[in-house]
Structure formats: structure tokens, C-alpha cells
């Protein structure tokens, strides 16, 4: 009787585990967009500093906005493959490098690296609604050479349509990051003429 009870209990636990299992997590990464023409042939160096993002985005889960545009939804199954600020920093550097083929553009990871220009980015908003739109609002600053003098300061606001799923959302957000990179590259190219 004891063996029968143990087998029944094991079968019950097994059934509960299979019915109560959560879907596997999916991991996403922002993509570098290579659609644009070069905006500059200048031979300059640009360091992209760490991108500052709001606390509500500073998590592995992808954040979306509800239909009412007020409620935030945090997906446990759809996650970023690495910290969002690090991914944005690298993606912006890669996008700018493709727009400025003769320039050295990279993420600034070491404090002793020296560049002609340093770019600082403060993101205010970077989210979207499925079957709606994705939005990126940010301030960005460019500092000249080794000084701490701001030579450029601009607010960026971009919107992209979003399809029905997280694949569509991440593609739209990748396009937003590319638009930001293009805006920064164009303004820096005007400085270096």
C-alpha cells in the first residue's frame, strides 16, 4: 500500500509540474541597422560613453506600455540578452561607425581612452506598445577632445510603428536607436568640417 501511495504521489507531482510549467524565456538583442548612406568621411575618433536609462527600463525583462499608455507591462518570458544600457551603447557605436566609415567610433570602456569627441546619452523614454508604436526620447551631449566643454546638446524624439509581437517591438526599437545614431553622426560630422 505504501508503494502504491508513493507512486500515486509521484504521478500527481509530475502531472502538476507539466501542467504548471511556464513557457521558456526568449532573449533579444538590439540590431545594428546598415541601411543608411555614409554621412561623413572625416578621420576623427568618437567614444560613446555609457548610456543612462531610466530605472523602469533597468532590468532584464522587456518593458511595454499598455493600451492606456500609462500602465507598464514587464514580460518575464521576453528578456534582453544583456543590460540594456550596455547594448544601446554598443549598438549606437556600431551604427555610427557604419555611417562614418573613416572615423573610429567605439564604446568607451576604459577611462584612459582618448577620443576627439565623447558622446553622453540620457534616455528619458524607450518603450513601446504591441500593435502600437515604440518611442525613444533622449538628450545627448558631445564633449570636445580632453576637455569637459559641451560643444553639442540636443533632444531626440523618434517614433516607430510596432507589429503584434516582441520580435516586431525589438526591430522597431533597433530602428529607433539607429535614428538616434544617425542624428548624432550627422551633427558631429558638421562639427568636424
C-alpha atoms as a PDB file:
ATOM      1  CA  UNK A   1       0.000   0.000   0.000  1.00  0.00           C
ATOM      2  CA  UNK A   2       2.876   2.348   0.830  1.00  0.00           C
ATOM      3  CA  UNK A   3       4.429   1.797  -2.620  1.00  0.00           C
ATOM      4  CA  UNK A   4       1.109   2.448  -4.330  1.00  0.00           C
ATOM      5  CA  UNK A   5       0.665   5.677  -2.371  1.00  0.00           C
ATOM      6  CA  UNK A   6       4.233   6.785  -3.271  1.00  0.00           C
ATOM      7  CA  UNK A   7       3.661   6.057  -6.969  1.00  0.00           C
ATOM      8  CA  UNK A   8       0.366   7.967  -6.890  1.00  0.00           C
ATOM      9  CA  UNK A   9       2.047  10.940  -5.197  1.00  0.00           C
ATOM     10  CA  UNK A  10       4.904  10.897  -7.709  1.00  0.00           C
ATOM     11  CA  UNK A  11       2.449  10.794 -10.632  1.00  0.00           C
ATOM     12  CA  UNK A  12       0.465  13.682  -9.139  1.00  0.00           C
ATOM     13  CA  UNK A  13       3.564  15.853  -8.651  1.00  0.00           C
ATOM     14  CA  UNK A  14       4.718  15.003 -12.169  1.00  0.00           C
ATOM     15  CA  UNK A  15       1.362  15.969 -13.662  1.00  0.00           C
ATOM     16  CA  UNK A  16       1.279  19.256 -11.730  1.00  0.00           C
ATOM     17  CA  UNK A  17       4.755  20.138 -12.930  1.00  0.00           C
ATOM     18  CA  UNK A  18       3.928  19.511 -16.577  1.00  0.00           C
ATOM     19  CA  UNK A  19       0.685  21.484 -16.450  1.00  0.00           C
ATOM     20  CA  UNK A  20       2.113  24.357 -14.422  1.00  0.00           C
ATOM     21  CA  UNK A  21       5.316  24.838 -16.404  1.00  0.00           C
ATOM     22  CA  UNK A  22       5.998  28.294 -17.795  1.00  0.00           C
ATOM     23  CA  UNK A  23       6.962  28.859 -21.399  1.00  0.00           C
ATOM     24  CA  UNK A  24      10.706  29.180 -21.995  1.00  0.00           C
ATOM     25  CA  UNK A  25      12.261  32.637 -21.908  1.00  0.00           C
ATOM     26  CA  UNK A  26      13.252  34.327 -25.154  1.00  0.00           C
ATOM     27  CA  UNK A  27      16.276  36.618 -25.283  1.00  0.00           C
ATOM     28  CA  UNK A  28      16.544  39.624 -27.601  1.00  0.00           C
ATOM     29  CA  UNK A  29      19.291  41.951 -28.756  1.00  0.00           C
ATOM     30  CA  UNK A  30      19.171  45.325 -30.487  1.00  0.00           C
ATOM     31  CA  UNK A  31      20.411  45.074 -34.053  1.00  0.00           C
ATOM     32  CA  UNK A  32      22.739  47.387 -35.948  1.00  0.00           C
ATOM     33  CA  UNK A  33      20.938  48.846 -38.959  1.00  0.00           C
ATOM     34  CA  UNK A  34      23.115  49.187 -42.069  1.00  0.00           C
ATOM     35  CA  UNK A  35      20.591  50.855 -44.417  1.00  0.00           C
ATOM     36  CA  UNK A  36      21.938  54.418 -44.388  1.00  0.00           C
ATOM     37  CA  UNK A  37      24.486  56.148 -46.582  1.00  0.00           C
ATOM     38  CA  UNK A  38      27.715  57.446 -45.063  1.00  0.00           C
ATOM     39  CA  UNK A  39      27.237  60.918 -43.603  1.00  0.00           C
ATOM     40  CA  UNK A  40      30.910  61.762 -43.139  1.00  0.00           C
ATOM     41  CA  UNK A  41      34.336  60.815 -44.413  1.00  0.00           C
ATOM     42  CA  UNK A  42      36.134  62.612 -41.552  1.00  0.00           C
ATOM     43  CA  UNK A  43      39.009  60.831 -39.836  1.00  0.00           C
ATOM     44  CA  UNK A  44      38.022  61.511 -36.259  1.00  0.00           C
ATOM     45  CA  UNK A  45      37.625  59.390 -33.158  1.00  0.00           C
ATOM     46  CA  UNK A  46      34.411  59.231 -31.135  1.00  0.00           C
ATOM     47  CA  UNK A  47      33.868  57.493 -27.821  1.00  0.00           C
ATOM     48  CA  UNK A  48      30.323  56.543 -26.863  1.00  0.00           C
ATOM     49  CA  UNK A  49      30.037  56.770 -23.089  1.00  0.00           C
ATOM     50  CA  UNK A  50      27.711  54.593 -21.046  1.00  0.00           C
ATOM     51  CA  UNK A  51      24.072  55.250 -21.912  1.00  0.00           C
ATOM     52  CA  UNK A  52      21.967  56.285 -18.910  1.00  0.00           C
ATOM     53  CA  UNK A  53      18.496  54.751 -18.903  1.00  0.00           C
ATOM     54  CA  UNK A  54      15.542  55.226 -16.541  1.00  0.00           C
ATOM     55  CA  UNK A  55      15.181  52.819 -13.647  1.00  0.00           C
ATOM     56  CA  UNK A  56      11.945  51.349 -15.033  1.00  0.00           C
ATOM     57  CA  UNK A  57      13.958  50.034 -18.003  1.00  0.00           C
ATOM     58  CA  UNK A  58      16.976  48.943 -15.993  1.00  0.00           C
ATOM     59  CA  UNK A  59      16.002  45.276 -15.797  1.00  0.00           C
ATOM     60  CA  UNK A  60      16.436  42.129 -17.905  1.00  0.00           C
ATOM     61  CA  UNK A  61      12.728  41.959 -18.802  1.00  0.00           C
ATOM     62  CA  UNK A  62      11.407  43.873 -21.804  1.00  0.00           C
ATOM     63  CA  UNK A  63       9.012  46.646 -20.806  1.00  0.00           C
ATOM     64  CA  UNK A  64       5.959  47.516 -22.894  1.00  0.00           C
ATOM     65  CA  UNK A  65       3.242  50.109 -22.448  1.00  0.00           C
ATOM     66  CA  UNK A  66      -0.390  49.093 -22.038  1.00  0.00           C
ATOM     67  CA  UNK A  67      -3.234  50.278 -24.260  1.00  0.00           C
ATOM     68  CA  UNK A  68      -3.936  53.179 -21.902  1.00  0.00           C
ATOM     69  CA  UNK A  69      -0.308  54.416 -22.418  1.00  0.00           C
ATOM     70  CA  UNK A  70       0.072  54.651 -18.613  1.00  0.00           C
ATOM     71  CA  UNK A  71       0.356  51.053 -17.428  1.00  0.00           C
ATOM     72  CA  UNK A  72       3.730  49.357 -17.843  1.00  0.00           C
ATOM     73  CA  UNK A  73       3.914  45.638 -18.570  1.00  0.00           C
ATOM     74  CA  UNK A  74       7.050  43.698 -17.688  1.00  0.00           C
ATOM     75  CA  UNK A  75       7.445  40.434 -19.585  1.00  0.00           C
ATOM     76  CA  UNK A  76       9.041  37.566 -17.690  1.00  0.00           C
ATOM     77  CA  UNK A  77       9.418  35.458 -20.865  1.00  0.00           C
ATOM     78  CA  UNK A  78      10.809  38.189 -23.182  1.00  0.00           C
ATOM     79  CA  UNK A  79      14.145  39.500 -21.980  1.00  0.00           C
ATOM     80  CA  UNK A  80      17.168  41.466 -23.111  1.00  0.00           C
ATOM     81  CA  UNK A  81      20.277  39.381 -23.729  1.00  0.00           C
ATOM     82  CA  UNK A  82      22.430  41.793 -21.694  1.00  0.00           C
ATOM     83  CA  UNK A  83      21.949  45.044 -19.750  1.00  0.00           C
ATOM     84  CA  UNK A  84      20.023  47.464 -21.959  1.00  0.00           C
ATOM     85  CA  UNK A  85      22.377  50.400 -21.333  1.00  0.00           C
ATOM     86  CA  UNK A  86      25.407  48.353 -22.467  1.00  0.00           C
ATOM     87  CA  UNK A  87      23.557  47.041 -25.520  1.00  0.00           C
ATOM     88  CA  UNK A  88      22.426  50.554 -26.517  1.00  0.00           C
ATOM     89  CA  UNK A  89      25.965  51.912 -26.091  1.00  0.00           C
ATOM     90  CA  UNK A  90      27.442  49.252 -28.374  1.00  0.00           C
ATOM     91  CA  UNK A  91      24.620  49.442 -30.948  1.00  0.00           C
ATOM     92  CA  UNK A  92      24.892  53.233 -31.222  1.00  0.00           C
ATOM     93  CA  UNK A  93      28.676  52.943 -31.676  1.00  0.00           C
ATOM     94  CA  UNK A  94      28.241  50.287 -34.390  1.00  0.00           C
ATOM     95  CA  UNK A  95      25.530  52.276 -36.194  1.00  0.00           C
ATOM     96  CA  UNK A  96      27.655  55.438 -36.104  1.00  0.00           C
ATOM     97  CA  UNK A  97      30.713  53.531 -37.328  1.00  0.00           C
ATOM     98  CA  UNK A  98      28.785  52.367 -40.393  1.00  0.00           C
ATOM     99  CA  UNK A  99      27.675  55.972 -41.054  1.00  0.00           C
ATOM    100  CA  UNK A 100      31.208  57.329 -40.576  1.00  0.00           C
ATOM    101  CA  UNK A 101      33.442  54.733 -42.291  1.00  0.00           C
ATOM    102  CA  UNK A 102      36.712  56.692 -41.906  1.00  0.00           C
ATOM    103  CA  UNK A 103      36.146  57.503 -38.236  1.00  0.00           C
ATOM    104  CA  UNK A 104      36.987  55.411 -35.209  1.00  0.00           C
ATOM    105  CA  UNK A 105      33.725  55.039 -33.287  1.00  0.00           C
ATOM    106  CA  UNK A 106      33.533  52.705 -30.325  1.00  0.00           C
ATOM    107  CA  UNK A 107      32.130  52.229 -26.881  1.00  0.00           C
ATOM    108  CA  UNK A 108      34.352  53.906 -24.341  1.00  0.00           C
ATOM    109  CA  UNK A 109      35.089  51.233 -21.765  1.00  0.00           C
ATOM    110  CA  UNK A 110      38.401  52.369 -20.320  1.00  0.00           C
ATOM    111  CA  UNK A 111      38.863  55.707 -18.568  1.00  0.00           C
ATOM    112  CA  UNK A 112      42.251  56.332 -20.172  1.00  0.00           C
ATOM    113  CA  UNK A 113      40.986  56.056 -23.769  1.00  0.00           C
ATOM    114  CA  UNK A 114      41.260  59.376 -25.622  1.00  0.00           C
ATOM    115  CA  UNK A 115      38.905  60.466 -28.388  1.00  0.00           C
ATOM    116  CA  UNK A 116      38.352  63.660 -30.372  1.00  0.00           C
ATOM    117  CA  UNK A 117      34.742  63.649 -29.149  1.00  0.00           C
ATOM    118  CA  UNK A 118      32.919  61.914 -26.307  1.00  0.00           C
ATOM    119  CA  UNK A 119      29.152  61.305 -26.568  1.00  0.00           C
ATOM    120  CA  UNK A 120      26.907  61.105 -23.497  1.00  0.00           C
ATOM    121  CA  UNK A 121      23.300  59.934 -23.816  1.00  0.00           C
ATOM    122  CA  UNK A 122      20.488  60.221 -21.270  1.00  0.00           C
ATOM    123  CA  UNK A 123      17.409  58.232 -22.273  1.00  0.00           C
ATOM    124  CA  UNK A 124      14.079  59.540 -20.939  1.00  0.00           C
ATOM    125  CA  UNK A 125      11.804  57.001 -22.643  1.00  0.00           C
ATOM    126  CA  UNK A 126      12.442  53.778 -24.562  1.00  0.00           C
ATOM    127  CA  UNK A 127       9.414  51.524 -24.723  1.00  0.00           C
ATOM    128  CA  UNK A 128       6.521  50.611 -26.942  1.00  0.00           C
ATOM    129  CA  UNK A 129       3.097  49.059 -27.213  1.00  0.00           C
ATOM    130  CA  UNK A 130       2.447  45.888 -29.187  1.00  0.00           C
ATOM    131  CA  UNK A 131       0.218  46.746 -32.171  1.00  0.00           C
ATOM    132  CA  UNK A 132       1.046  50.391 -31.473  1.00  0.00           C
ATOM    133  CA  UNK A 133       4.232  52.407 -31.520  1.00  0.00           C
ATOM    134  CA  UNK A 134       7.690  52.419 -29.978  1.00  0.00           C
ATOM    135  CA  UNK A 135       9.214  55.649 -28.754  1.00  0.00           C
ATOM    136  CA  UNK A 136      12.706  56.884 -27.919  1.00  0.00           C
ATOM    137  CA  UNK A 137      13.207  60.225 -26.169  1.00  0.00           C
ATOM    138  CA  UNK A 138      16.724  61.182 -25.144  1.00  0.00           C
ATOM    139  CA  UNK A 139      19.109  64.045 -24.560  1.00  0.00           C
ATOM    140  CA  UNK A 140      22.593  63.662 -25.986  1.00  0.00           C
ATOM    141  CA  UNK A 141      25.734  65.689 -25.458  1.00  0.00           C
ATOM    142  CA  UNK A 142      29.067  65.876 -27.255  1.00  0.00           C
ATOM    143  CA  UNK A 143      32.204  66.912 -25.392  1.00  0.00           C
ATOM    144  CA  UNK A 144      35.242  68.178 -27.250  1.00  0.00           C
ATOM    145  CA  UNK A 145      38.559  66.328 -27.009  1.00  0.00           C
ATOM    146  CA  UNK A 146      40.018  66.051 -23.499  1.00  0.00           C
ATOM    147  CA  UNK A 147      38.049  68.987 -22.101  1.00  0.00           C
ATOM    148  CA  UNK A 148      34.732  68.793 -20.347  1.00  0.00           C
ATOM    149  CA  UNK A 149      33.251  71.503 -22.609  1.00  0.00           C
ATOM    150  CA  UNK A 150      29.908  70.599 -24.205  1.00  0.00           C
ATOM    151  CA  UNK A 151      30.050  71.507 -27.893  1.00  0.00           C
ATOM    152  CA  UNK A 152      26.681  69.974 -28.852  1.00  0.00           C
ATOM    153  CA  UNK A 153      23.499  69.307 -26.924  1.00  0.00           C
ATOM    154  CA  UNK A 154      20.268  68.096 -28.478  1.00  0.00           C
ATOM    155  CA  UNK A 155      16.996  66.423 -27.602  1.00  0.00           C
ATOM    156  CA  UNK A 156      15.971  63.473 -29.770  1.00  0.00           C
ATOM    157  CA  UNK A 157      12.440  62.157 -30.163  1.00  0.00           C
ATOM    158  CA  UNK A 158      11.681  59.287 -32.512  1.00  0.00           C
ATOM    159  CA  UNK A 159       8.654  57.033 -33.054  1.00  0.00           C
ATOM    160  CA  UNK A 160       8.327  53.753 -34.986  1.00  0.00           C
ATOM    161  CA  UNK A 161       5.266  51.554 -35.632  1.00  0.00           C
ATOM    162  CA  UNK A 162       5.208  48.200 -33.823  1.00  0.00           C
ATOM    163  CA  UNK A 163       3.598  44.966 -35.008  1.00  0.00           C
ATOM    164  CA  UNK A 164       1.914  42.322 -32.919  1.00  0.00           C
ATOM    165  CA  UNK A 165       4.800  40.594 -31.102  1.00  0.00           C
ATOM    166  CA  UNK A 166       8.109  41.105 -29.305  1.00  0.00           C
ATOM    167  CA  UNK A 167      10.121  40.402 -32.475  1.00  0.00           C
ATOM    168  CA  UNK A 168       8.392  43.404 -34.075  1.00  0.00           C
ATOM    169  CA  UNK A 169       8.944  45.524 -30.957  1.00  0.00           C
ATOM    170  CA  UNK A 170      12.701  44.850 -30.824  1.00  0.00           C
ATOM    171  CA  UNK A 171      13.060  45.538 -34.561  1.00  0.00           C
ATOM    172  CA  UNK A 172      11.228  48.868 -34.102  1.00  0.00           C
ATOM    173  CA  UNK A 173      13.410  49.736 -31.112  1.00  0.00           C
ATOM    174  CA  UNK A 174      16.522  48.865 -33.142  1.00  0.00           C
ATOM    175  CA  UNK A 175      15.353  51.341 -35.808  1.00  0.00           C
ATOM    176  CA  UNK A 176      14.880  53.998 -33.096  1.00  0.00           C
ATOM    177  CA  UNK A 177      18.437  53.501 -31.846  1.00  0.00           C
ATOM    178  CA  UNK A 178      19.661  53.723 -35.444  1.00  0.00           C
ATOM    179  CA  UNK A 179      17.826  57.038 -35.919  1.00  0.00           C
ATOM    180  CA  UNK A 180      19.490  58.403 -32.791  1.00  0.00           C
ATOM    181  CA  UNK A 181      22.917  57.244 -34.011  1.00  0.00           C
ATOM    182  CA  UNK A 182      22.314  58.885 -37.394  1.00  0.00           C
ATOM    183  CA  UNK A 183      21.288  62.192 -35.791  1.00  0.00           C
ATOM    184  CA  UNK A 184      24.420  62.231 -33.627  1.00  0.00           C
ATOM    185  CA  UNK A 185      26.698  61.222 -36.530  1.00  0.00           C
ATOM    186  CA  UNK A 186      25.318  63.956 -38.794  1.00  0.00           C
ATOM    187  CA  UNK A 187      25.747  66.680 -36.166  1.00  0.00           C
ATOM    188  CA  UNK A 188      29.294  65.567 -35.284  1.00  0.00           C
ATOM    189  CA  UNK A 189      30.213  65.436 -38.978  1.00  0.00           C
ATOM    190  CA  UNK A 190      29.186  69.105 -39.257  1.00  0.00           C
ATOM    191  CA  UNK A 191      31.461  69.933 -36.309  1.00  0.00           C
ATOM    192  CA  UNK A 192      34.478  68.260 -37.875  1.00  0.00           C
ATOM    193  CA  UNK A 193      34.291  70.075 -41.244  1.00  0.00           C
END
